[in-house]
Amino acid sequence: MKDLTEKDFDKTIKSKKLSVIDFFATWCMPCRMLKPILEKVEQNVKDANFYSLDIDENDEIAKRYRVFSVPTVICFMNGEIVDSLVGLSSYDEVIDFVNRCKG
């Protein structure tokens, strides 16, 4: 998973390829638990890009997308939100979510 910042966020989400973005905070225990799950999903899903965005370092982006709870995973394609997933989820839940986002 690549780290995103406010600088490269808008360009990233405009991709025609699905962008799966993990909005997290370093102090958040469920976020830490979700990260290895997302990394495993990333290894098994080849037609999407996976990113992480620290909400404390990029608070304007978090506010723009109304991320009030972490972890929150949002799928973007062509600059639009496809779907979002809030809270700690299992591997099966996350892979189902990403597959739904792909359509």
C-alpha atoms as a PDB file:
ATOM      1  CA  MET A   1       0.000   0.000   0.000  1.00  0.00           C
ATOM      2  CA  LYS A   2       1.317   3.388  -0.985  1.00  0.00           C
ATOM      3  CA  ASP A   3       1.029   6.395   1.320  1.00  0.00           C
ATOM      4  CA  LEU A   4      -1.037   9.305   0.019  1.00  0.00           C
ATOM      5  CA  THR A   5      -0.875  12.977   0.914  1.00  0.00           C
ATOM      6  CA  GLU A   6      -3.066  15.947   0.070  1.00  0.00           C
ATOM      7  CA  LYS A   7      -0.579  16.768  -2.694  1.00  0.00           C
ATOM      8  CA  ASP A   8      -1.201  13.605  -4.726  1.00  0.00           C
ATOM      9  CA  PHE A   9      -4.705  12.679  -3.560  1.00  0.00           C
ATOM     10  CA  ASP A  10      -6.810  14.330  -6.280  1.00  0.00           C
ATOM     11  CA  LYS A  11      -4.670  12.938  -9.111  1.00  0.00           C
ATOM     12  CA  THR A  12      -4.828   9.446  -7.578  1.00  0.00           C
ATOM     13  CA  ILE A  13      -8.607   9.261  -7.252  1.00  0.00           C
ATOM     14  CA  LYS A  14      -9.147  10.365 -10.862  1.00  0.00           C
ATOM     15  CA  SER A  15      -7.624   7.135 -12.136  1.00  0.00           C
ATOM     16  CA  LYS A  16      -9.742   4.890 -14.358  1.00  0.00           C
ATOM     17  CA  LYS A  17      -8.456   2.013 -12.239  1.00  0.00           C
ATOM     18  CA  LEU A  18     -10.141   1.451  -8.885  1.00  0.00           C
ATOM     19  CA  SER A  19      -8.358   3.237  -6.012  1.00  0.00           C
ATOM     20  CA  VAL A  20      -8.939   1.715  -2.580  1.00  0.00           C
ATOM     21  CA  ILE A  21      -7.970   4.223   0.112  1.00  0.00           C
ATOM     22  CA  ASP A  22      -7.589   3.378   3.783  1.00  0.00           C
ATOM     23  CA  PHE A  23      -8.233   6.473   5.908  1.00  0.00           C
ATOM     24  CA  PHE A  24      -6.453   5.741   9.190  1.00  0.00           C
ATOM     25  CA  ALA A  25      -4.828   7.269  12.266  1.00  0.00           C
ATOM     26  CA  THR A  26      -1.625   6.060  13.892  1.00  0.00           C
ATOM     27  CA  TRP A  27      -3.268   6.068  17.348  1.00  0.00           C
ATOM     28  CA  CYS A  28      -6.183   3.872  16.170  1.00  0.00           C
ATOM     29  CA  MET A  29      -5.901   0.207  17.210  1.00  0.00           C
ATOM     30  CA  PRO A  30      -8.595  -1.052  14.760  1.00  0.00           C
ATOM     31  CA  CYS A  31      -6.665   0.770  11.997  1.00  0.00           C
ATOM     32  CA  ARG A  32      -3.527  -1.139  12.909  1.00  0.00           C
ATOM     33  CA  MET A  33      -5.504  -4.390  12.845  1.00  0.00           C
ATOM     34  CA  LEU A  34      -7.033  -3.607   9.439  1.00  0.00           C
ATOM     35  CA  LYS A  35      -3.741  -2.740   7.694  1.00  0.00           C
ATOM     36  CA  PRO A  36      -2.441  -6.354   7.343  1.00  0.00           C
ATOM     37  CA  ILE A  37      -5.889  -7.417   6.131  1.00  0.00           C
ATOM     38  CA  LEU A  38      -5.823  -4.741   3.430  1.00  0.00           C
ATOM     39  CA  GLU A  39      -2.281  -5.740   2.464  1.00  0.00           C
ATOM     40  CA  LYS A  40      -3.427  -9.338   2.030  1.00  0.00           C
ATOM     41  CA  VAL A  41      -6.401  -8.200  -0.073  1.00  0.00           C
ATOM     42  CA  GLU A  42      -4.027  -6.077  -2.157  1.00  0.00           C
ATOM     43  CA  GLN A  43      -1.928  -9.171  -2.932  1.00  0.00           C
ATOM     44  CA  ASN A  44      -5.039 -10.982  -4.190  1.00  0.00           C
ATOM     45  CA  VAL A  45      -6.654  -8.154  -6.185  1.00  0.00           C
ATOM     46  CA  LYS A  46      -4.542  -7.164  -9.161  1.00  0.00           C
ATOM     47  CA  ASP A  47      -6.893  -4.718 -10.898  1.00  0.00           C
ATOM     48  CA  ALA A  48      -7.032  -2.080  -8.137  1.00  0.00           C
ATOM     49  CA  ASN A  49      -4.548   0.276  -6.482  1.00  0.00           C
ATOM     50  CA  PHE A  50      -4.349   0.380  -2.694  1.00  0.00           C
ATOM     51  CA  TYR A  51      -3.356   3.447  -0.684  1.00  0.00           C
ATOM     52  CA  SER A  52      -3.350   4.672   2.898  1.00  0.00           C
ATOM     53  CA  LEU A  53      -3.988   8.220   4.090  1.00  0.00           C
ATOM     54  CA  ASP A  54      -3.222   9.425   7.620  1.00  0.00           C
ATOM     55  CA  ILE A  55      -6.179  11.622   8.618  1.00  0.00           C
ATOM     56  CA  ASP A  56      -4.154  13.557  11.180  1.00  0.00           C
ATOM     57  CA  GLU A  57      -1.578  14.609   8.588  1.00  0.00           C
ATOM     58  CA  ASN A  58      -4.193  15.154   5.845  1.00  0.00           C
ATOM     59  CA  ASP A  59      -7.163  16.510   7.753  1.00  0.00           C
ATOM     60  CA  GLU A  60      -8.529  18.598   4.851  1.00  0.00           C
ATOM     61  CA  ILE A  61      -9.032  15.448   2.765  1.00  0.00           C
ATOM     62  CA  ALA A  62     -10.669  13.668   5.715  1.00  0.00           C
ATOM     63  CA  LYS A  63     -13.028  16.629   6.186  1.00  0.00           C
ATOM     64  CA  ARG A  64     -13.819  16.800   2.464  1.00  0.00           C
ATOM     65  CA  TYR A  65     -14.979  13.182   2.465  1.00  0.00           C
ATOM     66  CA  ARG A  66     -16.584  13.358   5.921  1.00  0.00           C
ATOM     67  CA  VAL A  67     -14.352  10.723   7.458  1.00  0.00           C
ATOM     68  CA  PHE A  68     -15.415  10.987  11.096  1.00  0.00           C
ATOM     69  CA  SER A  69     -14.543   7.461  12.148  1.00  0.00           C
ATOM     70  CA  VAL A  70     -11.460   5.378  11.471  1.00  0.00           C
ATOM     71  CA  PRO A  71     -10.709   3.068   9.912  1.00  0.00           C
ATOM     72  CA  THR A  72     -12.717   4.062   6.861  1.00  0.00           C
ATOM     73  CA  VAL A  73     -11.970   2.554   3.451  1.00  0.00           C
ATOM     74  CA  ILE A  74     -13.276   4.421   0.412  1.00  0.00           C
ATOM     75  CA  CYS A  75     -13.170   3.171  -3.179  1.00  0.00           C
ATOM     76  CA  PHE A  76     -12.788   5.797  -5.905  1.00  0.00           C
ATOM     77  CA  MET A  77     -12.937   5.524  -9.678  1.00  0.00           C
ATOM     78  CA  ASN A  78     -12.746   8.420 -12.145  1.00  0.00           C
ATOM     79  CA  GLY A  79     -12.789  10.882  -9.238  1.00  0.00           C
ATOM     80  CA  GLU A  80     -16.056   9.572  -7.826  1.00  0.00           C
ATOM     81  CA  ILE A  81     -16.770   7.603  -4.673  1.00  0.00           C
ATOM     82  CA  VAL A  82     -17.917   4.085  -5.526  1.00  0.00           C
ATOM     83  CA  ASP A  83     -18.540   2.870  -1.968  1.00  0.00           C
ATOM     84  CA  SER A  84     -17.170   3.044   1.559  1.00  0.00           C
ATOM     85  CA  LEU A  85     -16.597   0.679   4.458  1.00  0.00           C
ATOM     86  CA  VAL A  86     -16.342   1.914   8.058  1.00  0.00           C
ATOM     87  CA  GLY A  87     -14.746   0.041  10.928  1.00  0.00           C
ATOM     88  CA  LEU A  88     -12.640  -3.050  11.354  1.00  0.00           C
ATOM     89  CA  SER A  89     -13.646  -5.803   8.934  1.00  0.00           C
ATOM     90  CA  SER A  90     -12.511  -9.342   8.263  1.00  0.00           C
ATOM     91  CA  TYR A  91     -10.539 -10.393   5.190  1.00  0.00           C
ATOM     92  CA  ASP A  92     -13.676 -11.882   3.605  1.00  0.00           C
ATOM     93  CA  GLU A  93     -15.663  -8.692   4.238  1.00  0.00           C
ATOM     94  CA  VAL A  94     -12.932  -6.497   2.758  1.00  0.00           C
ATOM     95  CA  ILE A  95     -12.404  -8.644  -0.349  1.00  0.00           C
ATOM     96  CA  ASP A  96     -16.184  -8.742  -0.934  1.00  0.00           C
ATOM     97  CA  PHE A  97     -16.298  -4.963  -0.532  1.00  0.00           C
ATOM     98  CA  VAL A  98     -13.477  -4.400  -3.049  1.00  0.00           C
ATOM     99  CA  ASN A  99     -15.055  -6.806  -5.537  1.00  0.00           C
ATOM    100  CA  ARG A 100     -18.388  -4.958  -5.231  1.00  0.00           C
ATOM    101  CA  CYS A 101     -16.571  -1.683  -5.879  1.00  0.00           C
ATOM    102  CA  LYS A 102     -15.065  -3.114  -9.062  1.00  0.00           C
ATOM    103  CA  GLY A 103     -18.576  -3.838 -10.291  1.00  0.00           C
END
